[in-house]
Amino acid sequence: MNSLQSFLAVAPVVKPAAAAPAGARLLPSRRARVSACLATPAPPPTAAPATGAGRRELSAASRAVVEDEAKYIVGTYKRAQVVFVAGRGCKLYDIDGREYLDMAAGIAVNALGHCDPDLVEAATDQSKRLGHASNVGYTVPQVQLAKRLVEASFADRVFFANSGTEANEAAIKFSRKYQRVAHPDGDAPTGFVSFSNCFHGRTMGSLALTSKVQYREPFEPVMPGSTFVEYGNLEEAKKVIRSGKIAAVFVEPVQGEGGIHSATKEFLQGLRHACDEAGALLVFDEVQCGLGRTGHLWAYEIYGVKPDMMTLAKPLANGLPIGVVLVNEKIAAAINYGDHGTTFGGNPFVCSAALAVLDKIQKPGFLAEVSKKGENFRQLLKTKLSGNPHVKEIRGIGLIVGIELDVPAGPLVDACLDAGVFLLTAGKGNVVRLVPPLIISEKELEQAAEVIRDCLSALDS
């Protein structure tokens, strides 16, 4: 048994008294197929808190992990008070055997949930053959994945990286290089436009395009030349684009970190026309909203607008590190050997996992089910949460849903965690962000809605 299989076969129960039945602890058959999260074998919870239960107390085992984290890891994260050790389908398990419904999916990453058997099989098989060889030579899974992405999108070529922020860094560089080639007289535009409430990453280039001041300020000066425009304000964006100083416009068709805001068709079409007139590039950041999250393979398909470049990452390999820039031919033609590169990007191990993800998301009916479940979930939330004075709006598309509150969402998120549902916040901390695995069942979505409803009283304390 190799290391990956060994990890997946470990039951998430550590106390002897909490041991799961032997059958539930085994890795599902490598030939098994999962049609919904609830069909995925998992150890039963030993201490799953009931809805509305009081605050969980961290066990000695949990406290030991928390204390070691504080001692050995740089303190960049304000973590939820839970120590996860395993997952199956749409369920997570903590070190004490408690079960949680995962409505976060690793921040919109685990599209197929946890331990999907086909993905495990693909990654395991590839790990036995070749995990990494660099980009000095050719590897088969990378070329296969590139072909699949090109055939399924507007793009002509792709560049592989390791994360969303790396993909956006590459798109920044490609924008500048394209403009330099397009303006051989030396008067190439170098500026960028991005929008309020946007998030494009935390490295220095993508950080310069990210609107939250608290992310940028500690590291200033960041890359110069960025202009922020109100999301949805087409006229203001046109004025900046027409200045002649803009190399590219970066926009999320659906903002995730910013609070679950969807662009209008008029806005994105207007940006497309303005960029075409000015010679600027249009870049769609679909790191969070792409690859099925909206019920469409790509969010841009909803709007009938094709970008010049698009960045992907989060769900593509279901948790293994990958980032991609999809580009059209005019941009690819401007990029030469050595203009950009990466040691790890597109290695065969990760690309094999990504191919398994694409296989499932592109199955007939999969995306239609995401759309249906998303619509039903939003209606369910509106029904169950109606009348609560703290709930201002429920919005989203597909399975990227936001509940905007008139108060900080933290107390509600904490109460739901105690009640066995794992959530995220977004926006200014007043939006509950719901981005579950795309394979989540209607029954699980109903469970999430009921727990959120029953925990709303936490906002009054």
Protein backbone atom coordinates (compact mmCIF):
# COMPACT_ATOMS: atom_id res chain seq x y z
CA MET A 1 0.00 0.00 0.00
CA ASN A 2 1.55 3.31 -1.04
CA SER A 3 1.49 6.48 1.08
CA LEU A 4 -1.55 8.02 -0.62
CA GLN A 5 -3.62 4.88 -0.11
CA SER A 6 -2.39 4.62 3.46
CA PHE A 7 -3.61 8.12 4.25
CA LEU A 8 -7.00 7.58 2.67
CA ALA A 9 -7.49 4.31 4.53
CA VAL A 10 -6.98 5.89 7.95
CA ALA A 11 -10.20 6.28 9.90
CA PRO A 12 -10.72 9.78 11.29
CA VAL A 13 -11.27 8.43 14.79
CA VAL A 14 -8.46 8.45 17.31
CA LYS A 15 -10.06 7.58 20.60
CA PRO A 16 -10.30 3.80 21.11
CA ALA A 17 -13.82 4.17 22.48
CA ALA A 18 -14.79 6.02 19.33
CA ALA A 19 -13.57 3.44 16.85
CA ALA A 20 -15.64 3.06 13.70
CA PRO A 21 -16.78 -0.31 12.39
CA ALA A 22 -13.99 -1.98 10.49
CA GLY A 23 -15.84 -1.90 7.17
CA ALA A 24 -16.33 1.84 7.38
CA ARG A 25 -12.61 2.45 7.81
CA LEU A 26 -11.51 0.97 4.53
CA LEU A 27 -10.77 2.87 1.34
CA PRO A 28 -13.65 2.38 -1.10
CA SER A 29 -13.01 -0.09 -3.91
CA ARG A 30 -10.88 1.44 -6.63
CA ARG A 31 -13.57 0.45 -9.12
CA ALA A 32 -16.40 1.89 -7.05
CA ARG A 33 -18.44 4.74 -8.43
CA VAL A 34 -20.01 7.54 -6.41
CA SER A 35 -23.18 9.22 -7.60
CA ALA A 36 -23.73 11.43 -4.55
CA CYS A 37 -21.98 12.33 -1.33
CA LEU A 38 -24.32 10.26 0.80
CA ALA A 39 -23.26 7.11 -1.05
CA THR A 40 -19.65 7.50 0.03
CA PRO A 41 -18.60 5.16 2.85
CA ALA A 42 -17.46 7.00 5.95
CA PRO A 43 -17.00 6.24 9.60
CA PRO A 44 -19.95 7.25 11.73
CA PRO A 45 -19.46 10.32 13.92
CA THR A 46 -18.77 9.68 17.58
CA ALA A 47 -19.67 13.08 18.90
CA ALA A 48 -21.57 14.91 16.19
CA PRO A 49 -23.15 17.92 17.87
CA ALA A 50 -26.88 18.24 17.54
CA THR A 51 -28.36 21.26 15.83
CA GLY A 52 -28.28 24.16 18.21
CA ALA A 53 -25.76 22.44 20.49
CA GLY A 54 -23.53 24.45 22.78
CA ARG A 55 -19.94 25.39 22.14
CA ARG A 56 -17.65 22.45 21.45
CA GLU A 57 -14.76 22.01 23.83
CA LEU A 58 -11.44 21.18 22.23
CA SER A 59 -10.09 17.81 23.34
CA ALA A 60 -6.54 17.31 24.53
CA ALA A 61 -5.65 15.89 21.11
CA SER A 62 -7.06 18.97 19.36
CA ARG A 63 -5.37 21.36 21.76
CA ALA A 64 -2.02 19.68 21.15
CA VAL A 65 -2.31 20.32 17.40
CA VAL A 66 -3.46 23.92 17.94
CA GLU A 67 -0.56 24.59 20.31
CA ASP A 68 2.01 23.09 17.94
CA GLU A 69 0.60 25.12 15.05
CA ALA A 70 1.05 28.29 17.08
CA LYS A 71 4.60 27.26 17.92
CA TYR A 72 5.86 26.14 14.51
CA ILE A 73 3.80 27.82 11.75
CA VAL A 74 3.91 31.47 10.73
CA GLY A 75 0.73 33.09 12.03
CA THR A 76 -0.92 34.11 8.76
CA TYR A 77 -4.22 32.30 9.39
CA LYS A 78 -7.01 32.86 11.86
CA ARG A 79 -8.24 29.30 11.85
CA ALA A 80 -11.55 27.80 12.87
CA GLN A 81 -11.23 25.86 16.11
CA VAL A 82 -11.37 22.40 14.58
CA VAL A 83 -8.71 19.86 13.60
CA PHE A 84 -9.71 17.92 10.49
CA VAL A 85 -8.10 14.56 9.83
CA ALA A 86 -10.22 12.95 7.11
CA GLY A 87 -13.05 13.44 4.65
CA ARG A 88 -15.45 11.34 2.60
CA GLY A 89 -17.78 12.78 0.00
CA CYS A 90 -19.22 15.99 1.46
CA LYS A 91 -18.32 15.14 5.05
CA LEU A 92 -15.28 16.12 7.10
CA TYR A 93 -14.16 14.41 10.32
CA ASP A 94 -12.19 15.97 13.13
CA ILE A 95 -9.58 14.37 15.32
CA ASP A 96 -12.24 13.32 17.84
CA GLY A 97 -14.49 11.68 15.27
CA ARG A 98 -17.07 14.44 14.94
CA GLU A 99 -18.72 14.72 11.55
CA TYR A 100 -19.24 18.00 9.68
CA LEU A 101 -21.13 18.76 6.50
CA ASP A 102 -18.62 20.58 4.32
CA MET A 103 -20.19 23.68 2.79
CA ALA A 104 -16.76 25.21 2.11
CA ALA A 105 -15.13 22.56 -0.11
CA GLY A 106 -11.66 23.80 0.79
CA ILE A 107 -12.67 27.31 -0.37
CA ALA A 108 -14.44 26.15 -3.55
CA VAL A 109 -11.73 23.61 -4.33
CA ASN A 110 -13.08 20.11 -3.66
CA ALA A 111 -15.60 20.03 -6.52
CA LEU A 112 -15.83 16.23 -6.28
CA GLY A 113 -15.82 16.21 -2.51
CA HIS A 114 -13.28 14.27 -0.50
CA CYS A 115 -11.59 11.03 -1.59
CA ASP A 116 -13.47 10.62 -4.84
CA PRO A 117 -12.56 7.05 -5.88
CA ASP A 118 -11.93 7.84 -9.55
CA LEU A 119 -9.64 10.74 -8.69
CA VAL A 120 -7.81 8.64 -6.09
CA GLU A 121 -7.37 5.90 -8.68
CA ALA A 122 -6.02 8.30 -11.31
CA ALA A 123 -3.59 9.99 -8.91
CA THR A 124 -2.47 6.69 -7.41
CA ASP A 125 -1.84 5.10 -10.79
CA GLN A 126 0.11 8.11 -12.03
CA SER A 127 2.17 8.28 -8.83
CA LYS A 128 3.35 4.74 -9.55
CA ARG A 129 4.62 5.75 -12.99
CA LEU A 130 5.87 9.35 -12.89
CA GLY A 131 5.11 12.14 -10.46
CA HIS A 132 7.35 14.94 -11.65
CA ALA A 133 9.87 15.48 -14.43
CA SER A 134 9.88 19.31 -14.88
CA ASN A 135 9.08 21.15 -18.08
CA VAL A 136 12.46 20.46 -19.62
CA GLY A 137 10.87 17.47 -21.35
CA TYR A 138 7.38 16.52 -22.50
CA THR A 139 4.90 14.62 -20.33
CA VAL A 140 1.74 12.96 -21.62
CA PRO A 141 -0.85 14.01 -18.98
CA GLN A 142 0.09 17.69 -19.34
CA VAL A 143 -0.43 17.65 -23.10
CA GLN A 144 -3.67 15.68 -22.71
CA LEU A 145 -5.02 18.17 -20.17
CA ALA A 146 -4.02 21.15 -22.33
CA LYS A 147 -5.86 19.64 -25.28
CA ARG A 148 -8.98 19.01 -23.20
CA LEU A 149 -9.04 22.56 -21.84
CA VAL A 150 -8.55 24.11 -25.26
CA GLU A 151 -11.24 21.96 -26.83
CA ALA A 152 -13.69 22.88 -24.06
CA SER A 153 -13.11 26.64 -24.08
CA PHE A 154 -12.45 29.76 -26.14
CA ALA A 155 -8.70 29.28 -25.81
CA ASP A 156 -6.04 28.23 -28.29
CA ARG A 157 -3.26 27.46 -25.81
CA VAL A 158 -2.64 27.13 -22.08
CA PHE A 159 0.11 27.79 -19.55
CA PHE A 160 0.27 25.68 -16.39
CA ALA A 161 1.16 27.06 -12.97
CA ASN A 162 0.56 25.90 -9.38
CA SER A 163 -2.13 28.19 -7.97
CA GLY A 164 -4.61 30.93 -8.75
CA THR A 165 -2.27 33.75 -7.83
CA GLU A 166 0.48 32.23 -10.01
CA ALA A 167 -1.96 32.02 -12.90
CA ASN A 168 -2.83 35.69 -12.47
CA GLU A 169 0.86 36.63 -12.25
CA ALA A 170 1.40 34.87 -15.56
CA ALA A 171 -1.58 36.70 -17.07
CA ILE A 172 -0.11 40.02 -15.91
CA LYS A 173 3.20 39.22 -17.57
CA PHE A 174 1.56 37.96 -20.74
CA SER A 175 -0.48 41.18 -20.93
CA ARG A 176 2.60 43.34 -20.70
CA LYS A 177 4.52 41.22 -23.21
CA TYR A 178 1.64 41.22 -25.68
CA GLN A 179 1.38 45.00 -25.55
CA ARG A 180 5.12 45.39 -26.01
CA VAL A 181 4.99 43.26 -29.16
CA ALA A 182 1.87 45.11 -30.37
CA HIS A 183 3.60 48.48 -29.87
CA PRO A 184 7.13 48.07 -31.26
CA ASP A 185 7.58 51.84 -31.15
CA GLY A 186 8.08 51.55 -27.40
CA ASP A 187 4.84 53.26 -26.34
CA ALA A 188 3.17 50.12 -24.97
CA PRO A 189 0.47 50.53 -22.29
CA THR A 190 1.41 48.93 -18.97
CA GLY A 191 -1.53 49.70 -16.66
CA PHE A 192 -4.32 47.47 -15.39
CA VAL A 193 -7.95 47.86 -14.40
CA SER A 194 -9.61 45.77 -11.71
CA PHE A 195 -12.72 46.30 -9.62
CA SER A 196 -14.08 46.95 -6.15
CA ASN A 197 -14.47 43.86 -3.96
CA CYS A 198 -12.17 41.88 -6.27
CA PHE A 199 -9.62 39.30 -5.22
CA HIS A 200 -6.88 38.11 -7.59
CA GLY A 201 -4.24 36.75 -5.21
CA ARG A 202 -1.56 37.58 -2.66
CA THR A 203 1.69 37.66 -4.66
CA MET A 204 2.97 41.11 -5.54
CA GLY A 205 1.45 41.47 -9.00
CA SER A 206 -1.94 39.93 -8.30
CA LEU A 207 -1.99 41.70 -4.94
CA ALA A 208 -1.70 45.02 -6.77
CA LEU A 209 -4.93 44.12 -8.60
CA THR A 210 -6.76 43.11 -5.40
CA SER A 211 -9.02 45.78 -3.97
CA LYS A 212 -8.87 45.13 -0.22
CA VAL A 213 -6.58 47.77 1.26
CA GLN A 214 -5.71 45.63 4.28
CA TYR A 215 -4.20 43.01 1.96
CA ARG A 216 -2.03 45.51 0.06
CA GLU A 217 -1.06 48.13 2.64
CA PRO A 218 1.46 46.09 4.69
CA PHE A 219 3.47 45.34 1.55
CA GLU A 220 3.44 48.64 -0.30
CA PRO A 221 4.74 49.73 -2.67
CA VAL A 222 3.15 47.01 -4.76
CA MET A 223 3.28 46.87 -8.56
CA PRO A 224 2.33 50.33 -9.87
CA GLY A 225 -0.18 51.05 -12.59
CA SER A 226 -3.40 49.55 -11.18
CA THR A 227 -6.71 51.43 -11.25
CA PHE A 228 -9.76 50.25 -9.28
CA VAL A 229 -13.23 50.91 -10.64
CA GLU A 230 -16.57 50.16 -9.01
CA TYR A 231 -17.73 46.65 -9.99
CA GLY A 232 -20.53 47.04 -12.49
CA ASN A 233 -19.83 50.70 -13.31
CA LEU A 234 -19.31 50.36 -17.05
CA GLU A 235 -19.10 54.06 -17.86
CA GLU A 236 -16.32 54.69 -15.37
CA ALA A 237 -14.46 51.61 -16.62
CA LYS A 238 -14.72 52.84 -20.20
CA LYS A 239 -13.14 56.16 -19.29
CA VAL A 240 -10.11 54.45 -17.80
CA ILE A 241 -9.77 51.88 -20.59
CA ARG A 242 -9.95 54.58 -23.26
CA SER A 243 -7.06 56.47 -21.66
CA GLY A 244 -4.68 54.41 -23.76
CA LYS A 245 -2.66 53.42 -20.70
CA ILE A 246 -4.31 50.06 -19.97
CA ALA A 247 -2.68 46.78 -20.96
CA ALA A 248 -5.47 44.59 -19.59
CA VAL A 249 -8.68 44.55 -17.59
CA PHE A 250 -8.99 41.84 -14.92
CA VAL A 251 -12.51 40.92 -13.82
CA GLU A 252 -14.27 38.06 -12.03
CA PRO A 253 -17.58 37.22 -13.72
CA VAL A 254 -18.77 36.15 -10.27
CA GLN A 255 -16.89 37.51 -7.26
CA GLY A 256 -16.34 35.00 -4.48
CA GLU A 257 -14.06 36.51 -1.84
CA GLY A 258 -15.71 39.88 -2.46
CA GLY A 259 -19.12 38.68 -1.27
CA ILE A 260 -20.76 36.64 -4.08
CA HIS A 261 -21.54 39.35 -6.61
CA SER A 262 -22.44 38.43 -10.20
CA ALA A 263 -21.68 40.69 -13.12
CA THR A 264 -24.42 41.65 -15.54
CA LYS A 265 -24.28 40.67 -19.19
CA GLU A 266 -24.27 44.35 -20.15
CA PHE A 267 -21.26 45.04 -17.95
CA LEU A 268 -19.08 42.26 -19.34
CA GLN A 269 -20.17 42.87 -22.92
CA GLY A 270 -19.40 46.54 -22.46
CA LEU A 271 -15.93 45.73 -21.14
CA ARG A 272 -15.36 43.50 -24.16
CA HIS A 273 -16.27 46.29 -26.57
CA ALA A 274 -14.22 48.90 -24.70
CA CYS A 275 -11.15 46.66 -24.64
CA ASP A 276 -11.49 45.90 -28.35
CA GLU A 277 -11.72 49.61 -29.19
CA ALA A 278 -8.71 50.53 -27.03
CA GLY A 279 -6.52 47.53 -27.83
CA ALA A 280 -6.58 46.38 -24.20
CA LEU A 281 -6.88 42.71 -23.23
CA LEU A 282 -9.82 41.32 -21.29
CA VAL A 283 -8.89 38.78 -18.61
CA PHE A 284 -11.50 36.74 -16.75
CA ASP A 285 -10.45 35.43 -13.36
CA GLU A 286 -12.46 32.21 -12.97
CA VAL A 287 -10.26 30.78 -10.24
CA GLN A 288 -13.28 30.43 -7.93
CA CYS A 289 -16.31 30.62 -10.24
CA GLY A 290 -15.03 28.47 -13.11
CA LEU A 291 -15.20 24.75 -13.91
CA GLY A 292 -18.82 24.02 -13.09
CA ARG A 293 -19.35 26.13 -9.97
CA THR A 294 -22.03 28.24 -11.69
CA GLY A 295 -23.72 25.28 -13.38
CA HIS A 296 -21.84 26.07 -16.58
CA LEU A 297 -18.39 24.74 -17.36
CA TRP A 298 -17.11 28.31 -17.53
CA ALA A 299 -18.84 31.35 -16.06
CA TYR A 300 -18.18 33.37 -19.23
CA GLU A 301 -20.63 31.12 -21.09
CA ILE A 302 -23.49 32.65 -19.08
CA TYR A 303 -22.74 36.08 -20.52
CA GLY A 304 -21.89 35.28 -24.12
CA VAL A 305 -18.57 37.09 -23.75
CA LYS A 306 -15.21 35.53 -24.60
CA PRO A 307 -12.11 36.90 -22.85
CA ASP A 308 -8.61 37.07 -24.30
CA MET A 309 -7.27 35.21 -21.28
CA MET A 310 -8.83 33.28 -18.42
CA THR A 311 -7.24 32.06 -15.19
CA LEU A 312 -8.25 28.84 -13.44
CA ALA A 313 -7.09 26.97 -10.37
CA LYS A 314 -9.13 25.92 -7.34
CA PRO A 315 -11.31 22.98 -8.44
CA LEU A 316 -9.31 21.78 -11.43
CA ALA A 317 -7.36 19.11 -9.54
CA ASN A 318 -9.75 18.89 -6.57
CA GLY A 319 -7.18 20.05 -4.05
CA LEU A 320 -3.87 19.24 -5.69
CA PRO A 321 -1.94 22.39 -6.62
CA ILE A 322 -2.58 23.63 -10.14
CA GLY A 323 -3.17 26.91 -11.89
CA VAL A 324 -3.84 27.56 -15.57
CA VAL A 325 -3.89 30.52 -17.93
CA LEU A 326 -5.97 29.97 -21.05
CA VAL A 327 -5.02 32.34 -23.88
CA ASN A 328 -6.03 33.04 -27.45
CA GLU A 329 -3.56 32.75 -30.29
CA LYS A 330 -2.69 36.46 -30.57
CA ILE A 331 -1.37 36.39 -27.00
CA ALA A 332 0.38 33.05 -27.39
CA ALA A 333 2.17 34.40 -30.47
CA ALA A 334 3.75 37.15 -28.37
CA ILE A 335 5.31 34.76 -25.85
CA ASN A 336 8.75 33.33 -26.54
CA TYR A 337 10.95 30.68 -24.97
CA GLY A 338 12.10 31.83 -21.54
CA ASP A 339 9.52 34.60 -21.15
CA HIS A 340 7.93 32.71 -18.28
CA GLY A 341 8.27 29.33 -16.63
CA THR A 342 7.70 27.10 -13.62
CA THR A 343 9.40 24.08 -12.12
CA PHE A 344 6.34 22.26 -10.85
CA GLY A 345 3.53 23.60 -13.04
CA GLY A 346 1.60 20.96 -14.97
CA ASN A 347 3.43 17.95 -13.59
CA PRO A 348 2.00 14.56 -14.59
CA PHE A 349 0.70 13.70 -11.11
CA VAL A 350 -1.46 16.81 -10.83
CA CYS A 351 -2.53 16.76 -14.48
CA SER A 352 -3.74 13.16 -14.16
CA ALA A 353 -5.92 14.23 -11.22
CA ALA A 354 -7.24 17.19 -13.24
CA LEU A 355 -8.16 14.91 -16.13
CA ALA A 356 -10.19 12.78 -13.71
CA VAL A 357 -11.99 15.90 -12.47
CA LEU A 358 -12.79 17.01 -16.02
CA ASP A 359 -14.07 13.54 -16.86
CA LYS A 360 -16.71 13.81 -14.15
CA ILE A 361 -17.68 17.45 -14.56
CA GLN A 362 -18.10 17.00 -18.32
CA LYS A 363 -20.35 13.95 -17.96
CA PRO A 364 -23.80 14.52 -19.49
CA GLY A 365 -26.18 15.96 -16.96
CA PHE A 366 -23.60 16.88 -14.32
CA LEU A 367 -23.72 20.63 -14.88
CA ALA A 368 -27.50 20.64 -15.23
CA GLU A 369 -27.66 19.01 -11.80
CA VAL A 370 -25.42 21.73 -10.35
CA SER A 371 -27.76 24.39 -11.74
CA LYS A 372 -30.83 22.61 -10.43
CA LYS A 373 -29.38 22.06 -6.96
CA GLY A 374 -28.19 25.66 -6.78
CA GLU A 375 -31.59 27.07 -7.70
CA ASN A 376 -33.38 24.77 -5.26
CA PHE A 377 -30.91 25.64 -2.51
CA ARG A 378 -31.35 29.38 -2.92
CA GLN A 379 -35.12 29.01 -2.83
CA LEU A 380 -34.84 26.78 0.23
CA LEU A 381 -32.70 29.36 2.02
CA LYS A 382 -35.11 32.16 1.14
CA THR A 383 -37.97 30.11 2.57
CA LYS A 384 -36.25 29.01 5.76
CA LEU A 385 -34.52 32.32 6.52
CA SER A 386 -37.34 34.63 5.54
CA GLY A 387 -38.44 36.99 8.27
CA ASN A 388 -35.12 37.08 10.06
CA PRO A 389 -34.18 40.77 10.42
CA HIS A 390 -30.45 40.07 10.02
CA VAL A 391 -30.78 38.47 6.56
CA LYS A 392 -30.53 41.20 3.90
CA GLU A 393 -30.12 39.18 0.72
CA ILE A 394 -29.58 35.65 -0.58
CA ARG A 395 -27.79 35.68 -3.92
CA GLY A 396 -25.61 33.64 -6.22
CA ILE A 397 -25.68 31.30 -9.19
CA GLY A 398 -25.24 27.55 -9.29
CA LEU A 399 -23.46 26.39 -6.14
CA ILE A 400 -21.76 29.67 -5.28
CA VAL A 401 -24.23 31.28 -2.87
CA GLY A 402 -24.01 34.17 -0.44
CA ILE A 403 -26.18 35.17 2.51
CA GLU A 404 -25.63 38.86 3.23
CA LEU A 405 -26.26 39.91 6.84
CA ASP A 406 -26.57 43.26 8.53
CA VAL A 407 -24.03 42.16 11.16
CA PRO A 408 -20.73 40.23 11.10
CA ALA A 409 -21.28 36.60 10.11
CA GLY A 410 -18.67 35.16 12.48
CA PRO A 411 -21.02 34.21 15.33
CA LEU A 412 -23.32 32.38 12.90
CA VAL A 413 -20.41 30.53 11.27
CA ASP A 414 -19.10 29.50 14.71
CA ALA A 415 -22.54 28.29 15.82
CA CYS A 416 -22.95 26.26 12.65
CA LEU A 417 -19.55 24.68 13.20
CA ASP A 418 -20.65 23.63 16.68
CA ALA A 419 -23.80 22.20 15.07
CA GLY A 420 -21.84 20.19 12.50
CA VAL A 421 -21.83 22.41 9.40
CA PHE A 422 -18.60 24.01 8.15
CA LEU A 423 -19.07 27.44 6.51
CA LEU A 424 -17.02 30.38 5.22
CA THR A 425 -17.44 34.14 5.28
CA ALA A 426 -16.84 36.61 2.46
CA GLY A 427 -17.15 40.29 1.61
CA LYS A 428 -16.54 42.51 4.63
CA GLY A 429 -17.14 39.59 6.98
CA ASN A 430 -20.92 40.01 6.79
CA VAL A 431 -21.58 37.43 4.07
CA VAL A 432 -21.91 33.69 4.62
CA ARG A 433 -20.25 32.03 1.63
CA LEU A 434 -21.67 28.65 0.58
CA VAL A 435 -19.50 26.79 -1.94
CA PRO A 436 -20.05 23.08 -1.25
CA PRO A 437 -18.74 20.20 -3.35
CA LEU A 438 -20.58 20.11 -6.66
CA ILE A 439 -21.64 16.52 -5.94
CA ILE A 440 -23.60 17.51 -2.83
CA SER A 441 -27.07 15.98 -2.54
CA GLU A 442 -30.40 17.77 -2.12
CA LYS A 443 -30.72 16.12 1.29
CA GLU A 444 -27.41 17.57 2.43
CA LEU A 445 -28.32 21.01 1.15
CA GLU A 446 -31.54 20.82 3.14
CA GLN A 447 -29.53 19.87 6.22
CA ALA A 448 -27.29 22.90 5.73
CA ALA A 449 -30.26 25.25 5.33
CA GLU A 450 -31.91 23.92 8.47
CA VAL A 451 -28.75 24.27 10.57
CA ILE A 452 -28.19 27.83 9.34
CA ARG A 453 -31.82 28.69 10.20
CA ASP A 454 -31.56 27.16 13.66
CA CYS A 455 -28.28 28.94 14.39
CA LEU A 456 -29.38 32.43 13.35
CA SER A 457 -30.09 33.24 16.99
CA ALA A 458 -26.31 33.38 17.51
CA LEU A 459 -26.40 36.76 15.75
CA ASP A 460 -28.46 38.22 18.59
CA SER A 461 -26.12 37.28 21.42
